[in-house]
PDB file of all heavy atoms in Angstrom:
ATOM      1  N   LEU A   1      59.653 100.041 183.489  1.00  0.00           N
ATOM      2  CA  LEU A   1      59.399  98.783 184.182  1.00  0.00           C
ATOM      3  C   LEU A   1      59.419  99.034 185.686  1.00  0.00           C
ATOM      4  O   LEU A   1      60.331  99.680 186.190  1.00  0.00           O
ATOM      5  CB  LEU A   1      60.453  97.736 183.792  1.00  0.00           C
ATOM      6  CG  LEU A   1      60.259  96.331 184.341  1.00  0.00           C
ATOM      7  CD1 LEU A   1      60.659  95.302 183.293  1.00  0.00           C
ATOM      8  CD2 LEU A   1      61.054  96.106 185.609  1.00  0.00           C
ATOM      9  N   TYR A   2      58.393  98.514 186.371  1.00  0.00           N
ATOM     10  CA  TYR A   2      58.305  98.594 187.833  1.00  0.00           C
ATOM     11  C   TYR A   2      58.675  97.239 188.408  1.00  0.00           C
ATOM     12  O   TYR A   2      58.167  96.206 187.958  1.00  0.00           O
ATOM     13  CB  TYR A   2      56.875  98.945 188.272  1.00  0.00           C
ATOM     14  CG  TYR A   2      56.528 100.397 188.115  1.00  0.00           C
ATOM     15  CD1 TYR A   2      56.234 100.940 186.870  1.00  0.00           C
ATOM     16  CD2 TYR A   2      56.492 101.238 189.221  1.00  0.00           C
ATOM     17  CE1 TYR A   2      55.912 102.280 186.730  1.00  0.00           C
ATOM     18  CE2 TYR A   2      56.170 102.587 189.087  1.00  0.00           C
ATOM     19  CZ  TYR A   2      55.883 103.089 187.838  1.00  0.00           C
ATOM     20  OH  TYR A   2      55.575 104.421 187.703  1.00  0.00           O
ATOM     21  N   THR A   3      59.562  97.235 189.414  1.00  0.00           N
ATOM     22  CA  THR A   3      59.971  95.995 190.060  1.00  0.00           C
ATOM     23  C   THR A   3      60.238  96.217 191.539  1.00  0.00           C
ATOM     24  O   THR A   3      60.716  97.286 191.929  1.00  0.00           O
ATOM     25  CB  THR A   3      61.226  95.383 189.384  1.00  0.00           C
ATOM     26  OG1 THR A   3      61.561  94.156 190.050  1.00  0.00           O
ATOM     27  CG2 THR A   3      62.412  96.347 189.421  1.00  0.00           C
ATOM     28  N   GLY A   4      59.965  95.212 192.331  1.00  0.00           N
ATOM     29  CA  GLY A   4      60.299  95.262 193.749  1.00  0.00           C
ATOM     30  C   GLY A   4      61.751  94.922 194.016  1.00  0.00           C
ATOM     31  O   GLY A   4      62.264  95.143 195.110  1.00  0.00           O
ATOM     32  N   TYR A   5      62.426  94.384 193.019  1.00  0.00           N
ATOM     33  CA  TYR A   5      63.845  94.057 193.165  1.00  0.00           C
ATOM     34  C   TYR A   5      64.691  95.323 193.090  1.00  0.00           C
ATOM     35  O   TYR A   5      64.289  96.312 192.472  1.00  0.00           O
ATOM     36  CB  TYR A   5      64.302  93.091 192.066  1.00  0.00           C
ATOM     37  CG  TYR A   5      63.646  91.740 192.128  1.00  0.00           C
ATOM     38  CD1 TYR A   5      62.662  91.387 191.221  1.00  0.00           C
ATOM     39  CD2 TYR A   5      64.011  90.816 193.105  1.00  0.00           C
ATOM     40  CE1 TYR A   5      62.056  90.140 191.268  1.00  0.00           C
ATOM     41  CE2 TYR A   5      63.406  89.566 193.161  1.00  0.00           C
ATOM     42  CZ  TYR A   5      62.432  89.242 192.238  1.00  0.00           C
ATOM     43  OH  TYR A   5      61.832  88.007 192.298  1.00  0.00           O
ATOM     44  N   GLN A   6      65.863  95.271 193.675  1.00  0.00           N
ATOM     45  CA  GLN A   6      66.810  96.383 193.580  1.00  0.00           C
ATOM     46  C   GLN A   6      67.525  96.317 192.236  1.00  0.00           C
ATOM     47  O   GLN A   6      67.970  95.245 191.808  1.00  0.00           O
ATOM     48  CB  GLN A   6      67.827  96.334 194.719  1.00  0.00           C
ATOM     49  CG  GLN A   6      67.233  96.593 196.086  1.00  0.00           C
ATOM     50  CD  GLN A   6      66.680  98.004 196.208  1.00  0.00           C
ATOM     51  OE1 GLN A   6      67.372  98.969 195.949  1.00  0.00           O
ATOM     52  NE2 GLN A   6      65.424  98.116 196.587  1.00  0.00           N
ATOM     53  N   PHE A   7      67.639  97.439 191.590  1.00  0.00           N
ATOM     54  CA  PHE A   7      68.255  97.558 190.268  1.00  0.00           C
ATOM     55  C   PHE A   7      69.644  96.920 190.220  1.00  0.00           C
ATOM     56  O   PHE A   7      69.980  96.188 189.296  1.00  0.00           O
ATOM     57  CB  PHE A   7      68.324  99.046 189.904  1.00  0.00           C
ATOM     58  CG  PHE A   7      68.999  99.354 188.606  1.00  0.00           C
ATOM     59  CD1 PHE A   7      68.391  99.037 187.407  1.00  0.00           C
ATOM     60  CD2 PHE A   7      70.227  99.994 188.581  1.00  0.00           C
ATOM     61  CE1 PHE A   7      68.999  99.341 186.200  1.00  0.00           C
ATOM     62  CE2 PHE A   7      70.840 100.299 187.389  1.00  0.00           C
ATOM     63  CZ  PHE A   7      70.225  99.977 186.186  1.00  0.00           C
ATOM     64  N   GLU A   8      70.431  97.162 191.229  1.00  0.00           N
ATOM     65  CA  GLU A   8      71.824  96.695 191.238  1.00  0.00           C
ATOM     66  C   GLU A   8      71.930  95.173 191.307  1.00  0.00           C
ATOM     67  O   GLU A   8      72.914  94.597 190.839  1.00  0.00           O
ATOM     68  CB  GLU A   8      72.591  97.301 192.425  1.00  0.00           C
ATOM     69  CG  GLU A   8      72.756  98.799 192.360  1.00  0.00           C
ATOM     70  CD  GLU A   8      71.537  99.582 192.855  1.00  0.00           C
ATOM     71  OE1 GLU A   8      70.543  98.972 193.327  1.00  0.00           O
ATOM     72  OE2 GLU A   8      71.575 100.822 192.759  1.00  0.00           O
ATOM     73  N   ARG A   9      70.936  94.531 191.869  1.00  0.00           N
ATOM     74  CA  ARG A   9      70.988  93.068 192.043  1.00  0.00           C
ATOM     75  C   ARG A   9      71.262  92.348 190.731  1.00  0.00           C
ATOM     76  O   ARG A   9      72.019  91.381 190.690  1.00  0.00           O
ATOM     77  CB  ARG A   9      69.682  92.573 192.653  1.00  0.00           C
ATOM     78  CG  ARG A   9      69.606  91.060 192.733  1.00  0.00           C
ATOM     79  CD  ARG A   9      68.356  90.575 193.393  1.00  0.00           C
ATOM     80  NE  ARG A   9      68.278  89.125 193.330  1.00  0.00           N
ATOM     81  CZ  ARG A   9      67.279  88.424 193.798  1.00  0.00           C
ATOM     82  NH1 ARG A   9      66.270  89.028 194.394  1.00  0.00           N
ATOM     83  NH2 ARG A   9      67.277  87.117 193.691  1.00  0.00           N
ATOM     84  N   PHE A  10      70.628  92.792 189.656  1.00  0.00           N
ATOM     85  CA  PHE A  10      70.779  92.115 188.373  1.00  0.00           C
ATOM     86  C   PHE A  10      71.618  92.896 187.363  1.00  0.00           C
ATOM     87  O   PHE A  10      72.080  92.329 186.386  1.00  0.00           O
ATOM     88  CB  PHE A  10      69.405  91.846 187.759  1.00  0.00           C
ATOM     89  CG  PHE A  10      68.537  90.965 188.601  1.00  0.00           C
ATOM     90  CD1 PHE A  10      67.412  91.479 189.228  1.00  0.00           C
ATOM     91  CD2 PHE A  10      68.845  89.629 188.786  1.00  0.00           C
ATOM     92  CE1 PHE A  10      66.605  90.666 190.013  1.00  0.00           C
ATOM     93  CE2 PHE A  10      68.043  88.806 189.564  1.00  0.00           C
ATOM     94  CZ  PHE A  10      66.918  89.330 190.179  1.00  0.00           C
ATOM     95  N   THR A  11      71.820  94.161 187.599  1.00  0.00           N
ATOM     96  CA  THR A  11      72.484  94.998 186.600  1.00  0.00           C
ATOM     97  C   THR A  11      73.999  94.927 186.683  1.00  0.00           C
ATOM     98  O   THR A  11      74.675  94.776 185.675  1.00  0.00           O
ATOM     99  CB  THR A  11      72.020  96.462 186.738  1.00  0.00           C
ATOM    100  OG1 THR A  11      70.598  96.483 186.754  1.00  0.00           O
ATOM    101  CG2 THR A  11      72.546  97.306 185.601  1.00  0.00           C
ATOM    102  N   PHE A  12      74.543  95.030 187.880  1.00  0.00           N
ATOM    103  CA  PHE A  12      75.991  95.124 188.024  1.00  0.00           C
ATOM    104  C   PHE A  12      76.625  93.851 188.576  1.00  0.00           C
ATOM    105  O   PHE A  12      77.840  93.734 188.619  1.00  0.00           O
ATOM    106  CB  PHE A  12      76.362  96.314 188.909  1.00  0.00           C
ATOM    107  CG  PHE A  12      75.808  97.619 188.396  1.00  0.00           C
ATOM    108  CD1 PHE A  12      74.989  98.408 189.187  1.00  0.00           C
ATOM    109  CD2 PHE A  12      76.091  98.060 187.120  1.00  0.00           C
ATOM    110  CE1 PHE A  12      74.474  99.610 188.722  1.00  0.00           C
ATOM    111  CE2 PHE A  12      75.578  99.259 186.642  1.00  0.00           C
ATOM    112  CZ  PHE A  12      74.766 100.033 187.439  1.00  0.00           C
ATOM    113  N   ASN A  13      75.814  92.914 189.006  1.00  0.00           N
ATOM    114  CA  ASN A  13      76.337  91.650 189.529  1.00  0.00           C
ATOM    115  C   ASN A  13      76.327  90.591 188.433  1.00  0.00           C
ATOM    116  O   ASN A  13      75.516  90.655 187.510  1.00  0.00           O
ATOM    117  CB  ASN A  13      75.502  91.167 190.725  1.00  0.00           C
ATOM    118  CG  ASN A  13      75.587  92.110 191.895  1.00  0.00           C
ATOM    119  OD1 ASN A  13      76.646  92.687 192.162  1.00  0.00           O
ATOM    120  ND2 ASN A  13      74.488  92.300 192.591  1.00  0.00           N
ATOM    121  N   ARG A  14      77.188  89.638 188.570  1.00  0.00           N
ATOM    122  CA  ARG A  14      77.276  88.542 187.607  1.00  0.00           C
ATOM    123  C   ARG A  14      76.035  87.655 187.740  1.00  0.00           C
ATOM    124  O   ARG A  14      75.631  87.294 188.837  1.00  0.00           O
ATOM    125  CB  ARG A  14      78.542  87.727 187.891  1.00  0.00           C
ATOM    126  CG  ARG A  14      78.834  86.669 186.889  1.00  0.00           C
ATOM    127  CD  ARG A  14      80.192  86.018 187.204  1.00  0.00           C
ATOM    128  NE  ARG A  14      80.370  84.848 186.416  1.00  0.00           N
ATOM    129  CZ  ARG A  14      80.017  83.619 186.800  1.00  0.00           C
ATOM    130  NH1 ARG A  14      79.485  83.430 187.986  1.00  0.00           N
ATOM    131  NH2 ARG A  14      80.209  82.584 186.009  1.00  0.00           N
ATOM    132  N   ALA A  15      75.445  87.290 186.603  1.00  0.00           N
ATOM    133  CA  ALA A  15      74.297  86.390 186.611  1.00  0.00           C
ATOM    134  C   ALA A  15      74.760  84.984 186.965  1.00  0.00           C
ATOM    135  O   ALA A  15      75.746  84.497 186.426  1.00  0.00           O
ATOM    136  CB  ALA A  15      73.622  86.391 185.243  1.00  0.00           C
ATOM    137  N   GLU A  16      74.059  84.355 187.890  1.00  0.00           N
ATOM    138  CA  GLU A  16      74.437  83.009 188.331  1.00  0.00           C
ATOM    139  C   GLU A  16      73.519  81.929 187.780  1.00  0.00           C
ATOM    140  O   GLU A  16      73.853  80.750 187.836  1.00  0.00           O
ATOM    141  CB  GLU A  16      74.477  82.960 189.861  1.00  0.00           C
ATOM    142  CG  GLU A  16      75.555  83.869 190.426  1.00  0.00           C
ATOM    143  CD  GLU A  16      75.677  83.778 191.936  1.00  0.00           C
ATOM    144  OE1 GLU A  16      75.125  82.837 192.524  1.00  0.00           O
ATOM    145  OE2 GLU A  16      76.333  84.656 192.506  1.00  0.00           O
ATOM    146  N   THR A  17      72.353  82.316 187.255  1.00  0.00           N
ATOM    147  CA  THR A  17      71.412  81.347 186.693  1.00  0.00           C
ATOM    148  C   THR A  17      70.947  81.848 185.327  1.00  0.00           C
ATOM    149  O   THR A  17      71.133  83.021 184.985  1.00  0.00           O
ATOM    150  CB  THR A  17      70.184  81.166 187.600  1.00  0.00           C
ATOM    151  OG1 THR A  17      69.436  82.398 187.610  1.00  0.00           O
ATOM    152  CG2 THR A  17      70.582  80.776 189.021  1.00  0.00           C
ATOM    153  N   LYS A  18      70.297  80.960 184.572  1.00  0.00           N
ATOM    154  CA  LYS A  18      69.737  81.363 183.270  1.00  0.00           C
ATOM    155  C   LYS A  18      68.652  82.418 183.459  1.00  0.00           C
ATOM    156  O   LYS A  18      68.535  83.337 182.658  1.00  0.00           O
ATOM    157  CB  LYS A  18      69.185  80.148 182.535  1.00  0.00           C
ATOM    158  CG  LYS A  18      70.253  79.245 181.987  1.00  0.00           C
ATOM    159  CD  LYS A  18      69.659  78.106 181.194  1.00  0.00           C
ATOM    160  CE  LYS A  18      70.783  77.226 180.664  1.00  0.00           C
ATOM    161  NZ  LYS A  18      70.274  76.142 179.833  1.00  0.00           N
ATOM    162  N   GLU A  19      67.868  82.276 184.532  1.00  0.00           N
ATOM    163  CA  GLU A  19      66.823  83.271 184.797  1.00  0.00           C
ATOM    164  C   GLU A  19      67.434  84.637 185.092  1.00  0.00           C
ATOM    165  O   GLU A  19      66.950  85.655 184.601  1.00  0.00           O
ATOM    166  CB  GLU A  19      65.939  82.821 185.958  1.00  0.00           C
ATOM    167  CG  GLU A  19      64.780  83.770 186.189  1.00  0.00           C
ATOM    168  CD  GLU A  19      63.813  83.277 187.245  1.00  0.00           C
ATOM    169  OE1 GLU A  19      62.870  82.561 186.869  1.00  0.00           O
ATOM    170  OE2 GLU A  19      64.012  83.630 188.426  1.00  0.00           O
ATOM    171  N   GLU A  20      68.492  84.681 185.877  1.00  0.00           N
ATOM    172  CA  GLU A  20      69.154  85.960 186.158  1.00  0.00           C
ATOM    173  C   GLU A  20      69.748  86.556 184.887  1.00  0.00           C
ATOM    174  O   GLU A  20      69.719  87.779 184.702  1.00  0.00           O
ATOM    175  CB  GLU A  20      70.236  85.782 187.223  1.00  0.00           C
ATOM    176  CG  GLU A  20      69.673  85.577 188.616  1.00  0.00           C
ATOM    177  CD  GLU A  20      70.747  85.397 189.675  1.00  0.00           C
ATOM    178  OE1 GLU A  20      71.953  85.455 189.355  1.00  0.00           O
ATOM    179  OE2 GLU A  20      70.370  85.196 190.850  1.00  0.00           O
ATOM    180  N   GLU A  21      70.269  85.725 184.012  1.00  0.00           N
ATOM    181  CA  GLU A  21      70.809  86.225 182.738  1.00  0.00           C
ATOM    182  C   GLU A  21      69.694  86.823 181.885  1.00  0.00           C
ATOM    183  O   GLU A  21      69.874  87.868 181.257  1.00  0.00           O
ATOM    184  CB  GLU A  21      71.531  85.107 181.976  1.00  0.00           C
ATOM    185  CG  GLU A  21      72.195  85.571 180.699  1.00  0.00           C
ATOM    186  CD  GLU A  21      73.219  86.692 180.896  1.00  0.00           C
ATOM    187  OE1 GLU A  21      73.982  86.665 181.879  1.00  0.00           O
ATOM    188  OE2 GLU A  21      73.236  87.626 180.060  1.00  0.00           O
ATOM    189  N   LEU A  22      68.535  86.178 181.887  1.00  0.00           N
ATOM    190  CA  LEU A  22      67.391  86.707 181.145  1.00  0.00           C
ATOM    191  C   LEU A  22      66.942  88.043 181.749  1.00  0.00           C
ATOM    192  O   LEU A  22      66.635  88.986 181.019  1.00  0.00           O
ATOM    193  CB  LEU A  22      66.243  85.698 181.159  1.00  0.00           C
ATOM    194  CG  LEU A  22      65.021  86.057 180.327  1.00  0.00           C
ATOM    195  CD1 LEU A  22      65.384  86.313 178.867  1.00  0.00           C
ATOM    196  CD2 LEU A  22      63.985  84.956 180.440  1.00  0.00           C
ATOM    197  N   ILE A  23      66.934  88.146 183.056  1.00  0.00           N
ATOM    198  CA  ILE A  23      66.562  89.399 183.717  1.00  0.00           C
ATOM    199  C   ILE A  23      67.565  90.500 183.362  1.00  0.00           C
ATOM    200  O   ILE A  23      67.172  91.642 183.110  1.00  0.00           O
ATOM    201  CB  ILE A  23      66.437  89.204 185.240  1.00  0.00           C
ATOM    202  CG1 ILE A  23      65.199  88.339 185.537  1.00  0.00           C
ATOM    203  CG2 ILE A  23      66.356  90.541 185.976  1.00  0.00           C
ATOM    204  CD1 ILE A  23      65.069  87.876 186.962  1.00  0.00           C
ATOM    205  N   ARG A  24      68.837  90.177 183.294  1.00  0.00           N
ATOM    206  CA  ARG A  24      69.844  91.168 182.871  1.00  0.00           C
ATOM    207  C   ARG A  24      69.547  91.679 181.463  1.00  0.00           C
ATOM    208  O   ARG A  24      69.670  92.867 181.178  1.00  0.00           O
ATOM    209  CB  ARG A  24      71.250  90.572 182.922  1.00  0.00           C
ATOM    210  CG  ARG A  24      71.826  90.436 184.313  1.00  0.00           C
ATOM    211  CD  ARG A  24      73.192  89.760 184.285  1.00  0.00           C
ATOM    212  NE  ARG A  24      74.163  90.484 183.492  1.00  0.00           N
ATOM    213  CZ  ARG A  24      75.011  91.386 183.968  1.00  0.00           C
ATOM    214  NH1 ARG A  24      75.001  91.679 185.247  1.00  0.00           N
ATOM    215  NH2 ARG A  24      75.868  91.997 183.180  1.00  0.00           N
ATOM    216  N   LYS A  25      69.145  90.778 180.584  1.00  0.00           N
ATOM    217  CA  LYS A  25      68.792  91.175 179.206  1.00  0.00           C
ATOM    218  C   LYS A  25      67.582  92.107 179.217  1.00  0.00           C
ATOM    219  O   LYS A  25      67.548  93.093 178.477  1.00  0.00           O
ATOM    220  CB  LYS A  25      68.495  89.938 178.359  1.00  0.00           C
ATOM    221  CG  LYS A  25      69.715  89.118 178.021  1.00  0.00           C
ATOM    222  CD  LYS A  25      69.328  87.890 177.209  1.00  0.00           C
ATOM    223  CE  LYS A  25      70.528  87.022 176.915  1.00  0.00           C
ATOM    224  NZ  LYS A  25      70.155  85.812 176.157  1.00  0.00           N
ATOM    225  N   ILE A  26      66.595  91.781 180.041  1.00  0.00           N
ATOM    226  CA  ILE A  26      65.400  92.625 180.151  1.00  0.00           C
ATOM    227  C   ILE A  26      65.795  94.030 180.592  1.00  0.00           C
ATOM    228  O   ILE A  26      65.376  95.024 179.992  1.00  0.00           O
ATOM    229  CB  ILE A  26      64.392  92.015 181.151  1.00  0.00           C
ATOM    230  CG1 ILE A  26      63.793  90.741 180.577  1.00  0.00           C
ATOM    231  CG2 ILE A  26      63.304  93.026 181.519  1.00  0.00           C
ATOM    232  CD1 ILE A  26      63.038  89.904 181.605  1.00  0.00           C
ATOM    233  N   ILE A  27      66.586  94.106 181.634  1.00  0.00           N
ATOM    234  CA  ILE A  27      67.001  95.407 182.167  1.00  0.00           C
ATOM    235  C   ILE A  27      67.695  96.238 181.097  1.00  0.00           C
ATOM    236  O   ILE A  27      67.427  97.425 180.941  1.00  0.00           O
ATOM    237  CB  ILE A  27      67.890  95.222 183.412  1.00  0.00           C
ATOM    238  CG1 ILE A  27      67.027  94.714 184.578  1.00  0.00           C
ATOM    239  CG2 ILE A  27      68.621  96.508 183.778  1.00  0.00           C
ATOM    240  CD1 ILE A  27      67.801  94.231 185.776  1.00  0.00           C
ATOM    241  N   ARG A  28      68.558  95.618 180.325  1.00  0.00           N
ATOM    242  CA  ARG A  28      69.310  96.332 179.296  1.00  0.00           C
ATOM    243  C   ARG A  28      68.417  96.850 178.161  1.00  0.00           C
ATOM    244  O   ARG A  28      68.802  97.752 177.441  1.00  0.00           O
ATOM    245  CB  ARG A  28      70.440  95.467 178.765  1.00  0.00           C
ATOM    246  CG  ARG A  28      71.492  95.236 179.830  1.00  0.00           C
ATOM    247  CD  ARG A  28      72.661  94.396 179.376  1.00  0.00           C
ATOM    248  NE  ARG A  28      73.627  94.252 180.453  1.00  0.00           N
ATOM    249  CZ  ARG A  28      74.484  95.165 180.841  1.00  0.00           C
ATOM    250  NH1 ARG A  28      74.507  96.340 180.251  1.00  0.00           N
ATOM    251  NH2 ARG A  28      75.322  94.936 181.828  1.00  0.00           N
ATOM    252  N   LEU A  29      67.228  96.277 178.022  1.00  0.00           N
ATOM    253  CA  LEU A  29      66.288  96.729 177.002  1.00  0.00           C
ATOM    254  C   LEU A  29      65.380  97.862 177.485  1.00  0.00           C
ATOM    255  O   LEU A  29      64.682  98.480 176.692  1.00  0.00           O
ATOM    256  CB  LEU A  29      65.419  95.555 176.540  1.00  0.00           C
ATOM    257  CG  LEU A  29      66.137  94.466 175.754  1.00  0.00           C
ATOM    258  CD1 LEU A  29      65.234  93.252 175.584  1.00  0.00           C
ATOM    259  CD2 LEU A  29      66.594  94.990 174.404  1.00  0.00           C
ATOM    260  N   CYS A  30      65.386  98.111 178.783  1.00  0.00           N
ATOM    261  CA  CYS A  30      64.517  99.148 179.371  1.00  0.00           C
ATOM    262  C   CYS A  30      65.174 100.519 179.306  1.00  0.00           C
ATOM    263  O   CYS A  30      66.391 100.645 179.262  1.00  0.00           O
ATOM    264  CB  CYS A  30      64.208  98.812 180.832  1.00  0.00           C
ATOM    265  SG  CYS A  30      63.194  97.349 181.038  1.00  0.00           S
ATOM    266  N   ASP A  31      64.334 101.538 179.336  1.00  0.00           N
ATOM    267  CA  ASP A  31      64.810 102.918 179.403  1.00  0.00           C
ATOM    268  C   ASP A  31      64.785 103.428 180.838  1.00  0.00           C
ATOM    269  O   ASP A  31      65.714 104.102 181.274  1.00  0.00           O
ATOM    270  CB  ASP A  31      63.946 103.811 178.500  1.00  0.00           C
ATOM    271  CG  ASP A  31      64.048 103.376 177.044  1.00  0.00           C
ATOM    272  OD1 ASP A  31      65.103 103.601 176.448  1.00  0.00           O
ATOM    273  OD2 ASP A  31      63.076 102.792 176.539  1.00  0.00           O
ATOM    274  N   VAL A  32      63.704 103.107 181.550  1.00  0.00           N
ATOM    275  CA  VAL A  32      63.536 103.582 182.923  1.00  0.00           C
ATOM    276  C   VAL A  32      63.019 102.420 183.776  1.00  0.00           C
ATOM    277  O   VAL A  32      62.124 101.681 183.350  1.00  0.00           O
ATOM    278  CB  VAL A  32      62.534 104.756 182.998  1.00  0.00           C
ATOM    279  CG1 VAL A  32      62.319 105.208 184.431  1.00  0.00           C
ATOM    280  CG2 VAL A  32      63.004 105.922 182.138  1.00  0.00           C
ATOM    281  N   ILE A  33      63.593 102.272 184.966  1.00  0.00           N
ATOM    282  CA  ILE A  33      63.116 101.278 185.924  1.00  0.00           C
ATOM    283  C   ILE A  33      62.804 101.988 187.239  1.00  0.00           C
ATOM    284  O   ILE A  33      63.598 102.791 187.720  1.00  0.00           O
ATOM    285  CB  ILE A  33      64.148 100.149 186.153  1.00  0.00           C
ATOM    286  CG1 ILE A  33      64.209  99.260 184.905  1.00  0.00           C
ATOM    287  CG2 ILE A  33      63.814  99.331 187.399  1.00  0.00           C
ATOM    288  CD1 ILE A  33      65.186  98.107 185.001  1.00  0.00           C
ATOM    289  N   VAL A  34      61.622 101.680 187.774  1.00  0.00           N
ATOM    290  CA  VAL A  34      61.272 102.116 189.121  1.00  0.00           C
ATOM    291  C   VAL A  34      61.483 100.893 190.001  1.00  0.00           C
ATOM    292  O   VAL A  34      60.823  99.868 189.814  1.00  0.00           O
ATOM    293  CB  VAL A  34      59.814 102.620 189.206  1.00  0.00           C
ATOM    294  CG1 VAL A  34      59.488 103.063 190.626  1.00  0.00           C
ATOM    295  CG2 VAL A  34      59.586 103.760 188.210  1.00  0.00           C
ATOM    296  N   ASP A  35      62.444 100.975 190.919  1.00  0.00           N
ATOM    297  CA  ASP A  35      62.790  99.792 191.713  1.00  0.00           C
ATOM    298  C   ASP A  35      62.429  99.949 193.174  1.00  0.00           C
ATOM    299  O   ASP A  35      62.175 101.048 193.652  1.00  0.00           O
ATOM    300  CB  ASP A  35      64.273  99.432 191.545  1.00  0.00           C
ATOM    301  CG  ASP A  35      65.211 100.254 192.418  1.00  0.00           C
ATOM    302  OD1 ASP A  35      64.860 101.378 192.840  1.00  0.00           O
ATOM    303  OD2 ASP A  35      66.329  99.778 192.675  1.00  0.00           O
ATOM    304  N   GLY A  36      62.420  98.815 193.869  1.00  0.00           N
ATOM    305  CA  GLY A  36      62.156  98.789 195.304  1.00  0.00           C
ATOM    306  C   GLY A  36      60.730  98.383 195.621  1.00  0.00           C
ATOM    307  O   GLY A  36      59.791  98.741 194.923  1.00  0.00           O
ATOM    308  N   LYS A  37      60.598  97.625 196.697  1.00  0.00           N
ATOM    309  CA  LYS A  37      59.280  97.212 197.158  1.00  0.00           C
ATOM    310  C   LYS A  37      58.496  98.418 197.663  1.00  0.00           C
ATOM    311  O   LYS A  37      59.087  99.375 198.157  1.00  0.00           O
ATOM    312  CB  LYS A  37      59.418  96.211 198.311  1.00  0.00           C
ATOM    313  CG  LYS A  37      60.088  94.918 197.937  1.00  0.00           C
ATOM    314  CD  LYS A  37      60.243  94.051 199.173  1.00  0.00           C
ATOM    315  CE  LYS A  37      61.071  92.829 198.880  1.00  0.00           C
ATOM    316  NZ  LYS A  37      61.271  91.997 200.076  1.00  0.00           N
ATOM    317  N   PHE A  38      57.188  98.346 197.547  1.00  0.00           N
ATOM    318  CA  PHE A  38      56.343  99.360 198.160  1.00  0.00           C
ATOM    319  C   PHE A  38      56.379  99.152 199.672  1.00  0.00           C
ATOM    320  O   PHE A  38      56.187  98.043 200.166  1.00  0.00           O
ATOM    321  CB  PHE A  38      54.896  99.258 197.665  1.00  0.00           C
ATOM    322  CG  PHE A  38      53.947 100.133 198.423  1.00  0.00           C
ATOM    323  CD1 PHE A  38      53.986 101.508 198.256  1.00  0.00           C
ATOM    324  CD2 PHE A  38      53.041  99.595 199.319  1.00  0.00           C
ATOM    325  CE1 PHE A  38      53.124 102.334 198.968  1.00  0.00           C
ATOM    326  CE2 PHE A  38      52.169 100.405 200.041  1.00  0.00           C
ATOM    327  CZ  PHE A  38      52.215 101.775 199.850  1.00  0.00           C
TER     328      PHE A  38
END
């Protein structure tokens, strides 16, 4: 998965919204993430 967001933003921080919780679930299902804006 390619994302402009920083990996740590959703992975190690507590989710504050339902959308952030869903993003945490997505991350946990991935094998490799390429993070950071171009």
